[in-house]
Amino acid sequence: MLACLLRPTSGDATIDGHSITHDPLDVKRTIGVVPQDIAVYEDMSARENLVFWGKMYGLAGAALQAASTPCWSSSRWRTARTIA
């Protein structure tokens, strides 16, 4: 929760003055969130993986579309159902 990858069911916390519920991107910038492993879920398509991870980082709607489309269109994953 403190890395803003999961939303708390109640309450809030602040890191360097940034709320984990109201300012998750500022919290991530402050603490430098870098996953240990790059997870790719084999039961999801490449596009579904991009959308999933975008949502995990707080993106939605037009922002999610804007962030995932360049990754999707410039990759060789466009025709793949899964990433091998």
PDB file of N, CA and C in Angstrom:
ATOM      1  N   MET A   1       0.805  -1.185   0.000  1.00  0.00           N
ATOM      2  CA  MET A   1       0.000   0.000   0.000  1.00  0.00           C
ATOM      3  C   MET A   1       0.856   1.260   0.000  1.00  0.00           C
ATOM      4  N   LEU A   2       1.944   1.246   0.733  1.00  0.00           N
ATOM      5  CA  LEU A   2       2.775   2.446   0.792  1.00  0.00           C
ATOM      6  C   LEU A   2       3.450   2.748  -0.540  1.00  0.00           C
ATOM      7  N   ALA A   3       3.590   1.753  -1.391  1.00  0.00           N
ATOM      8  CA  ALA A   3       4.137   1.975  -2.728  1.00  0.00           C
ATOM      9  C   ALA A   3       3.042   2.330  -3.727  1.00  0.00           C
ATOM     10  N   CYS A   4       1.806   2.413  -3.255  1.00  0.00           N
ATOM     11  CA  CYS A   4       0.640   2.808  -4.064  1.00  0.00           C
ATOM     12  C   CYS A   4       0.298   1.797  -5.148  1.00  0.00           C
ATOM     13  N   LEU A   5       0.685   0.556  -4.972  1.00  0.00           N
ATOM     14  CA  LEU A   5       0.292  -0.481  -5.913  1.00  0.00           C
ATOM     15  C   LEU A   5      -1.025  -1.112  -5.512  1.00  0.00           C
ATOM     16  N   LEU A   6      -1.410  -0.956  -4.260  1.00  0.00           N
ATOM     17  CA  LEU A   6      -2.707  -1.406  -3.753  1.00  0.00           C
ATOM     18  C   LEU A   6      -3.345  -0.249  -3.001  1.00  0.00           C
ATOM     19  N   ARG A   7      -4.664  -0.061  -3.198  1.00  0.00           N
ATOM     20  CA  ARG A   7      -5.377   0.990  -2.462  1.00  0.00           C
ATOM     21  C   ARG A   7      -5.817   0.457  -1.107  1.00  0.00           C
ATOM     22  N   PRO A   8      -5.659   1.264  -0.079  1.00  0.00           N
ATOM     23  CA  PRO A   8      -6.133   0.825   1.235  1.00  0.00           C
ATOM     24  C   PRO A   8      -7.662   0.765   1.250  1.00  0.00           C
ATOM     25  N   THR A   9      -8.206  -0.138   2.043  1.00  0.00           N
ATOM     26  CA  THR A   9      -9.659  -0.216   2.163  1.00  0.00           C
ATOM     27  C   THR A   9     -10.191   0.909   3.035  1.00  0.00           C
ATOM     28  N   SER A  10      -9.331   1.472   3.868  1.00  0.00           N
ATOM     29  CA  SER A  10      -9.700   2.639   4.661  1.00  0.00           C
ATOM     30  C   SER A  10      -8.423   3.326   5.117  1.00  0.00           C
ATOM     31  N   GLY A  11      -8.562   4.562   5.512  1.00  0.00           N
ATOM     32  CA  GLY A  11      -7.425   5.302   6.029  1.00  0.00           C
ATOM     33  C   GLY A  11      -6.534   5.873   4.942  1.00  0.00           C
ATOM     34  N   ASP A  12      -5.443   6.447   5.365  1.00  0.00           N
ATOM     35  CA  ASP A  12      -4.501   7.101   4.468  1.00  0.00           C
ATOM     36  C   ASP A  12      -3.136   7.108   5.144  1.00  0.00           C
ATOM     37  N   ALA A  13      -2.111   7.343   4.385  1.00  0.00           N
ATOM     38  CA  ALA A  13      -0.762   7.528   4.900  1.00  0.00           C
ATOM     39  C   ALA A  13      -0.102   8.582   4.029  1.00  0.00           C
ATOM     40  N   THR A  14       0.876   9.256   4.576  1.00  0.00           N
ATOM     41  CA  THR A  14       1.612  10.235   3.783  1.00  0.00           C
ATOM     42  C   THR A  14       3.091   9.889   3.785  1.00  0.00           C
ATOM     43  N   ILE A  15       3.701  10.163   2.664  1.00  0.00           N
ATOM     44  CA  ILE A  15       5.138   9.976   2.501  1.00  0.00           C
ATOM     45  C   ILE A  15       5.682  11.290   1.963  1.00  0.00           C
ATOM     46  N   ASP A  16       6.544  11.902   2.727  1.00  0.00           N
ATOM     47  CA  ASP A  16       7.127  13.195   2.361  1.00  0.00           C
ATOM     48  C   ASP A  16       6.031  14.213   2.024  1.00  0.00           C
ATOM     49  N   GLY A  17       4.930  14.145   2.773  1.00  0.00           N
ATOM     50  CA  GLY A  17       3.831  15.086   2.582  1.00  0.00           C
ATOM     51  C   GLY A  17       2.838  14.723   1.496  1.00  0.00           C
ATOM     52  N   HIS A  18       3.040  13.593   0.813  1.00  0.00           N
ATOM     53  CA  HIS A  18       2.145  13.161  -0.266  1.00  0.00           C
ATOM     54  C   HIS A  18       1.243  12.035   0.226  1.00  0.00           C
ATOM     55  N   SER A  19      -0.040  12.186  -0.005  1.00  0.00           N
ATOM     56  CA  SER A  19      -1.022  11.193   0.402  1.00  0.00           C
ATOM     57  C   SER A  19      -0.985   9.986  -0.536  1.00  0.00           C
ATOM     58  N   ILE A  20      -1.003   8.778   0.041  1.00  0.00           N
ATOM     59  CA  ILE A  20      -1.012   7.581  -0.817  1.00  0.00           C
ATOM     60  C   ILE A  20      -2.343   7.410  -1.523  1.00  0.00           C
ATOM     61  N   THR A  21      -3.418   8.019  -1.002  1.00  0.00           N
ATOM     62  CA  THR A  21      -4.722   7.894  -1.659  1.00  0.00           C
ATOM     63  C   THR A  21      -5.008   9.047  -2.608  1.00  0.00           C
ATOM     64  N   HIS A  22      -4.459  10.229  -2.349  1.00  0.00           N
ATOM     65  CA  HIS A  22      -4.763  11.402  -3.175  1.00  0.00           C
ATOM     66  C   HIS A  22      -3.636  11.775  -4.143  1.00  0.00           C
ATOM     67  N   ASP A  23      -2.405  11.416  -3.834  1.00  0.00           N
ATOM     68  CA  ASP A  23      -1.245  11.789  -4.661  1.00  0.00           C
ATOM     69  C   ASP A  23      -0.345  10.593  -4.946  1.00  0.00           C
ATOM     70  N   PRO A  24      -0.906   9.468  -5.431  1.00  0.00           N
ATOM     71  CA  PRO A  24      -0.070   8.272  -5.586  1.00  0.00           C
ATOM     72  C   PRO A  24       1.107   8.451  -6.543  1.00  0.00           C
ATOM     73  N   LEU A  25       0.953   9.233  -7.596  1.00  0.00           N
ATOM     74  CA  LEU A  25       2.075   9.416  -8.526  1.00  0.00           C
ATOM     75  C   LEU A  25       3.213  10.178  -7.864  1.00  0.00           C
ATOM     76  N   ASP A  26       2.879  11.172  -7.035  1.00  0.00           N
ATOM     77  CA  ASP A  26       3.925  11.899  -6.310  1.00  0.00           C
ATOM     78  C   ASP A  26       4.618  11.002  -5.294  1.00  0.00           C
ATOM     79  N   VAL A  27       3.863  10.117  -4.652  1.00  0.00           N
ATOM     80  CA  VAL A  27       4.464   9.161  -3.713  1.00  0.00           C
ATOM     81  C   VAL A  27       5.448   8.258  -4.464  1.00  0.00           C
ATOM     82  N   LYS A  28       5.016   7.719  -5.613  1.00  0.00           N
ATOM     83  CA  LYS A  28       5.895   6.824  -6.389  1.00  0.00           C
ATOM     84  C   LYS A  28       7.151   7.546  -6.839  1.00  0.00           C
ATOM     85  N   ARG A  29       7.011   8.805  -7.246  1.00  0.00           N
ATOM     86  CA  ARG A  29       8.200   9.578  -7.648  1.00  0.00           C
ATOM     87  C   ARG A  29       9.134   9.788  -6.454  1.00  0.00           C
ATOM     88  N   THR A  30       8.540  10.051  -5.307  1.00  0.00           N
ATOM     89  CA  THR A  30       9.337  10.310  -4.102  1.00  0.00           C
ATOM     90  C   THR A  30      10.124   9.081  -3.666  1.00  0.00           C
ATOM     91  N   ILE A  31       9.468   7.927  -3.640  1.00  0.00           N
ATOM     92  CA  ILE A  31      10.150   6.733  -3.134  1.00  0.00           C
ATOM     93  C   ILE A  31      10.850   5.945  -4.235  1.00  0.00           C
ATOM     94  N   GLY A  32      10.584   6.271  -5.501  1.00  0.00           N
ATOM     95  CA  GLY A  32      11.257   5.582  -6.605  1.00  0.00           C
ATOM     96  C   GLY A  32      10.839   4.134  -6.731  1.00  0.00           C
ATOM     97  N   VAL A  33       9.567   3.906  -6.959  1.00  0.00           N
ATOM     98  CA  VAL A  33       9.051   2.540  -7.072  1.00  0.00           C
ATOM     99  C   VAL A  33       9.625   1.851  -8.305  1.00  0.00           C
ATOM    100  N   VAL A  34      10.308   0.743  -8.075  1.00  0.00           N
ATOM    101  CA  VAL A  34      10.821  -0.094  -9.151  1.00  0.00           C
ATOM    102  C   VAL A  34      10.540  -1.542  -8.761  1.00  0.00           C
ATOM    103  N   PRO A  35       9.679  -2.228  -9.525  1.00  0.00           N
ATOM    104  CA  PRO A  35       9.375  -3.619  -9.178  1.00  0.00           C
ATOM    105  C   PRO A  35      10.640  -4.483  -9.205  1.00  0.00           C
ATOM    106  N   GLN A  36      10.693  -5.495  -8.334  1.00  0.00           N
ATOM    107  CA  GLN A  36      11.819  -6.411  -8.319  1.00  0.00           C
ATOM    108  C   GLN A  36      11.905  -7.222  -9.599  1.00  0.00           C
ATOM    109  N   ASP A  37      10.779  -7.693 -10.048  1.00  0.00           N
ATOM    110  CA  ASP A  37      10.714  -8.485 -11.272  1.00  0.00           C
ATOM    111  C   ASP A  37       9.685  -7.860 -12.192  1.00  0.00           C
ATOM    112  N   ILE A  38       9.945  -7.954 -13.459  1.00  0.00           N
ATOM    113  CA  ILE A  38       8.937  -7.515 -14.416  1.00  0.00           C
ATOM    114  C   ILE A  38       7.999  -8.685 -14.625  1.00  0.00           C
ATOM    115  N   ALA A  39       6.797  -8.511 -14.173  1.00  0.00           N
ATOM    116  CA  ALA A  39       5.820  -9.593 -14.250  1.00  0.00           C
ATOM    117  C   ALA A  39       5.027  -9.490 -15.548  1.00  0.00           C
ATOM    118  N   VAL A  40       4.948 -10.577 -16.231  1.00  0.00           N
ATOM    119  CA  VAL A  40       4.091 -10.700 -17.407  1.00  0.00           C
ATOM    120  C   VAL A  40       3.218 -11.913 -17.151  1.00  0.00           C
ATOM    121  N   TYR A  41       1.934 -11.682 -17.132  1.00  0.00           N
ATOM    122  CA  TYR A  41       1.011 -12.761 -16.846  1.00  0.00           C
ATOM    123  C   TYR A  41       0.663 -13.490 -18.141  1.00  0.00           C
ATOM    124  N   GLU A  42       1.062 -14.745 -18.211  1.00  0.00           N
ATOM    125  CA  GLU A  42       0.917 -15.519 -19.435  1.00  0.00           C
ATOM    126  C   GLU A  42      -0.524 -15.834 -19.798  1.00  0.00           C
ATOM    127  N   ASP A  43      -1.445 -15.753 -18.831  1.00  0.00           N
ATOM    128  CA  ASP A  43      -2.842 -16.019 -19.142  1.00  0.00           C
ATOM    129  C   ASP A  43      -3.554 -14.783 -19.690  1.00  0.00           C
ATOM    130  N   MET A  44      -2.840 -13.656 -19.806  1.00  0.00           N
ATOM    131  CA  MET A  44      -3.390 -12.432 -20.387  1.00  0.00           C
ATOM    132  C   MET A  44      -2.682 -12.141 -21.702  1.00  0.00           C
ATOM    133  N   SER A  45      -3.394 -11.487 -22.591  1.00  0.00           N
ATOM    134  CA  SER A  45      -2.770 -11.054 -23.842  1.00  0.00           C
ATOM    135  C   SER A  45      -1.767  -9.941 -23.536  1.00  0.00           C
ATOM    136  N   ALA A  46      -0.953  -9.606 -24.513  1.00  0.00           N
ATOM    137  CA  ALA A  46       0.010  -8.529 -24.336  1.00  0.00           C
ATOM    138  C   ALA A  46      -0.712  -7.223 -24.027  1.00  0.00           C
ATOM    139  N   ARG A  47      -1.779  -6.943 -24.747  1.00  0.00           N
ATOM    140  CA  ARG A  47      -2.561  -5.725 -24.510  1.00  0.00           C
ATOM    141  C   ARG A  47      -3.141  -5.723 -23.085  1.00  0.00           C
ATOM    142  N   GLU A  48      -3.676  -6.854 -22.659  1.00  0.00           N
ATOM    143  CA  GLU A  48      -4.236  -6.952 -21.310  1.00  0.00           C
ATOM    144  C   GLU A  48      -3.165  -6.708 -20.249  1.00  0.00           C
ATOM    145  N   ASN A  49      -1.936  -7.187 -20.485  1.00  0.00           N
ATOM    146  CA  ASN A  49      -0.837  -6.928 -19.557  1.00  0.00           C
ATOM    147  C   ASN A  49      -0.539  -5.432 -19.479  1.00  0.00           C
ATOM    148  N   LEU A  50      -0.490  -4.759 -20.609  1.00  0.00           N
ATOM    149  CA  LEU A  50      -0.234  -3.315 -20.609  1.00  0.00           C
ATOM    150  C   LEU A  50      -1.318  -2.566 -19.845  1.00  0.00           C
ATOM    151  N   VAL A  51      -2.565  -2.919 -20.075  1.00  0.00           N
ATOM    152  CA  VAL A  51      -3.677  -2.258 -19.389  1.00  0.00           C
ATOM    153  C   VAL A  51      -3.629  -2.553 -17.894  1.00  0.00           C
ATOM    154  N   PHE A  52      -3.369  -3.798 -17.540  1.00  0.00           N
ATOM    155  CA  PHE A  52      -3.287  -4.178 -16.123  1.00  0.00           C
ATOM    156  C   PHE A  52      -2.238  -3.351 -15.407  1.00  0.00           C
ATOM    157  N   TRP A  53      -1.019  -3.302 -15.959  1.00  0.00           N
ATOM    158  CA  TRP A  53       0.055  -2.580 -15.283  1.00  0.00           C
ATOM    159  C   TRP A  53      -0.190  -1.079 -15.299  1.00  0.00           C
ATOM    160  N   GLY A  54      -0.802  -0.563 -16.343  1.00  0.00           N
ATOM    161  CA  GLY A  54      -1.175   0.849 -16.339  1.00  0.00           C
ATOM    162  C   GLY A  54      -2.130   1.166 -15.207  1.00  0.00           C
ATOM    163  N   LYS A  55      -3.123   0.299 -15.004  1.00  0.00           N
ATOM    164  CA  LYS A  55      -4.079   0.498 -13.903  1.00  0.00           C
ATOM    165  C   LYS A  55      -3.394   0.371 -12.552  1.00  0.00           C
ATOM    166  N   MET A  56      -2.441  -0.537 -12.434  1.00  0.00           N
ATOM    167  CA  MET A  56      -1.714  -0.687 -11.174  1.00  0.00           C
ATOM    168  C   MET A  56      -0.955   0.590 -10.823  1.00  0.00           C
ATOM    169  N   TYR A  57      -0.576   1.348 -11.848  1.00  0.00           N
ATOM    170  CA  TYR A  57       0.133   2.598 -11.609  1.00  0.00           C
ATOM    171  C   TYR A  57      -0.793   3.806 -11.643  1.00  0.00           C
ATOM    172  N   GLY A  58      -2.104   3.549 -11.507  1.00  0.00           N
ATOM    173  CA  GLY A  58      -3.052   4.645 -11.341  1.00  0.00           C
ATOM    174  C   GLY A  58      -3.578   5.277 -12.603  1.00  0.00           C
ATOM    175  N   LEU A  59      -3.308   4.679 -13.753  1.00  0.00           N
ATOM    176  CA  LEU A  59      -3.816   5.252 -14.992  1.00  0.00           C
ATOM    177  C   LEU A  59      -5.216   4.732 -15.291  1.00  0.00           C
ATOM    178  N   ALA A  60      -6.019   5.557 -15.927  1.00  0.00           N
ATOM    179  CA  ALA A  60      -7.368   5.167 -16.325  1.00  0.00           C
ATOM    180  C   ALA A  60      -7.789   6.014 -17.517  1.00  0.00           C
ATOM    181  N   GLY A  61      -8.810   5.560 -18.214  1.00  0.00           N
ATOM    182  CA  GLY A  61      -9.401   6.334 -19.305  1.00  0.00           C
ATOM    183  C   GLY A  61      -8.404   6.766 -20.359  1.00  0.00           C
ATOM    184  N   ALA A  62      -8.466   8.052 -20.699  1.00  0.00           N
ATOM    185  CA  ALA A  62      -7.622   8.602 -21.760  1.00  0.00           C
ATOM    186  C   ALA A  62      -6.136   8.516 -21.417  1.00  0.00           C
ATOM    187  N   ALA A  63      -5.800   8.688 -20.139  1.00  0.00           N
ATOM    188  CA  ALA A  63      -4.387   8.606 -19.729  1.00  0.00           C
ATOM    189  C   ALA A  63      -3.849   7.191 -19.928  1.00  0.00           C
ATOM    190  N   LEU A  64      -4.657   6.189 -19.613  1.00  0.00           N
ATOM    191  CA  LEU A  64      -4.255   4.796 -19.811  1.00  0.00           C
ATOM    192  C   LEU A  64      -4.099   4.502 -21.301  1.00  0.00           C
ATOM    193  N   GLN A  65      -5.036   4.967 -22.089  1.00  0.00           N
ATOM    194  CA  GLN A  65      -4.972   4.779 -23.543  1.00  0.00           C
ATOM    195  C   GLN A  65      -3.728   5.451 -24.122  1.00  0.00           C
ATOM    196  N   ALA A  66      -3.470   6.679 -23.683  1.00  0.00           N
ATOM    197  CA  ALA A  66      -2.319   7.429 -24.192  1.00  0.00           C
ATOM    198  C   ALA A  66      -0.997   6.773 -23.826  1.00  0.00           C
ATOM    199  N   ALA A  67      -0.923   6.181 -22.640  1.00  0.00           N
ATOM    200  CA  ALA A  67       0.318   5.538 -22.201  1.00  0.00           C
ATOM    201  C   ALA A  67       0.517   4.174 -22.834  1.00  0.00           C
ATOM    202  N   SER A  68      -0.556   3.417 -23.034  1.00  0.00           N
ATOM    203  CA  SER A  68      -0.404   2.049 -23.526  1.00  0.00           C
ATOM    204  C   SER A  68      -0.335   1.951 -25.047  1.00  0.00           C
ATOM    205  N   THR A  69      -0.958   2.861 -25.760  1.00  0.00           N
ATOM    206  CA  THR A  69      -0.986   2.764 -27.219  1.00  0.00           C
ATOM    207  C   THR A  69       0.399   2.829 -27.852  1.00  0.00           C
ATOM    208  N   PRO A  70       1.276   3.767 -27.465  1.00  0.00           N
ATOM    209  CA  PRO A  70       2.614   3.766 -28.078  1.00  0.00           C
ATOM    210  C   PRO A  70       3.382   2.472 -27.801  1.00  0.00           C
ATOM    211  N   CYS A  71       3.241   1.939 -26.590  1.00  0.00           N
ATOM    212  CA  CYS A  71       3.912   0.674 -26.257  1.00  0.00           C
ATOM    213  C   CYS A  71       3.371  -0.443 -27.138  1.00  0.00           C
ATOM    214  N   TRP A  72       2.080  -0.452 -27.266  1.00  0.00           N
ATOM    215  CA  TRP A  72       1.405  -1.501 -28.037  1.00  0.00           C
ATOM    216  C   TRP A  72       1.755  -1.396 -29.519  1.00  0.00           C
ATOM    217  N   SER A  73       1.626  -0.205 -30.090  1.00  0.00           N
ATOM    218  CA  SER A  73       1.801  -0.064 -31.532  1.00  0.00           C
ATOM    219  C   SER A  73       3.251  -0.176 -31.970  1.00  0.00           C
ATOM    220  N   SER A  74       4.192   0.056 -31.061  1.00  0.00           N
ATOM    221  CA  SER A  74       5.603  -0.051 -31.446  1.00  0.00           C
ATOM    222  C   SER A  74       6.188  -1.414 -31.121  1.00  0.00           C
ATOM    223  N   SER A  75       5.369  -2.314 -30.615  1.00  0.00           N
ATOM    224  CA  SER A  75       5.900  -3.603 -30.199  1.00  0.00           C
ATOM    225  C   SER A  75       5.574  -4.706 -31.192  1.00  0.00           C
ATOM    226  N   ARG A  76       6.292  -5.789 -31.038  1.00  0.00           N
ATOM    227  CA  ARG A  76       6.011  -6.968 -31.854  1.00  0.00           C
ATOM    228  C   ARG A  76       4.877  -7.784 -31.247  1.00  0.00           C
ATOM    229  N   TRP A  77       4.340  -7.300 -30.131  1.00  0.00           N
ATOM    230  CA  TRP A  77       3.281  -8.023 -29.432  1.00  0.00           C
ATOM    231  C   TRP A  77       1.921  -7.866 -30.089  1.00  0.00           C
ATOM    232  N   ARG A  78       1.796  -6.956 -31.046  1.00  0.00           N
ATOM    233  CA  ARG A  78       0.486  -6.661 -31.622  1.00  0.00           C
ATOM    234  C   ARG A  78      -0.238  -7.895 -32.117  1.00  0.00           C
ATOM    235  N   THR A  79       0.478  -8.857 -32.636  1.00  0.00           N
ATOM    236  CA  THR A  79      -0.169 -10.050 -33.185  1.00  0.00           C
ATOM    237  C   THR A  79      -0.146 -11.233 -32.231  1.00  0.00           C
ATOM    238  N   ALA A  80       0.472 -11.057 -31.082  1.00  0.00           N
ATOM    239  CA  ALA A  80       0.602 -12.179 -30.148  1.00  0.00           C
ATOM    240  C   ALA A  80      -0.555 -12.199 -29.159  1.00  0.00           C
ATOM    241  N   ARG A  81      -1.059 -13.381 -28.877  1.00  0.00           N
ATOM    242  CA  ARG A  81      -2.061 -13.529 -27.842  1.00  0.00           C
ATOM    243  C   ARG A  81      -1.391 -13.479 -26.462  1.00  0.00           C
ATOM    244  N   THR A  82      -0.268 -14.145 -26.345  1.00  0.00           N
ATOM    245  CA  THR A  82       0.479 -14.130 -25.105  1.00  0.00           C
ATOM    246  C   THR A  82       1.928 -13.759 -25.396  1.00  0.00           C
ATOM    247  N   ILE A  83       2.625 -13.399 -24.370  1.00  0.00           N
ATOM    248  CA  ILE A  83       4.040 -13.044 -24.505  1.00  0.00           C
ATOM    249  C   ILE A  83       4.849 -14.236 -24.065  1.00  0.00           C
ATOM    250  N   ALA A  84       5.697 -14.722 -24.940  1.00  0.00           N
ATOM    251  CA  ALA A  84       6.500 -15.896 -24.607  1.00  0.00           C
ATOM    252  C   ALA A  84       7.915 -15.491 -24.266  1.00  0.00           C
TER     253      ALA A  84
END
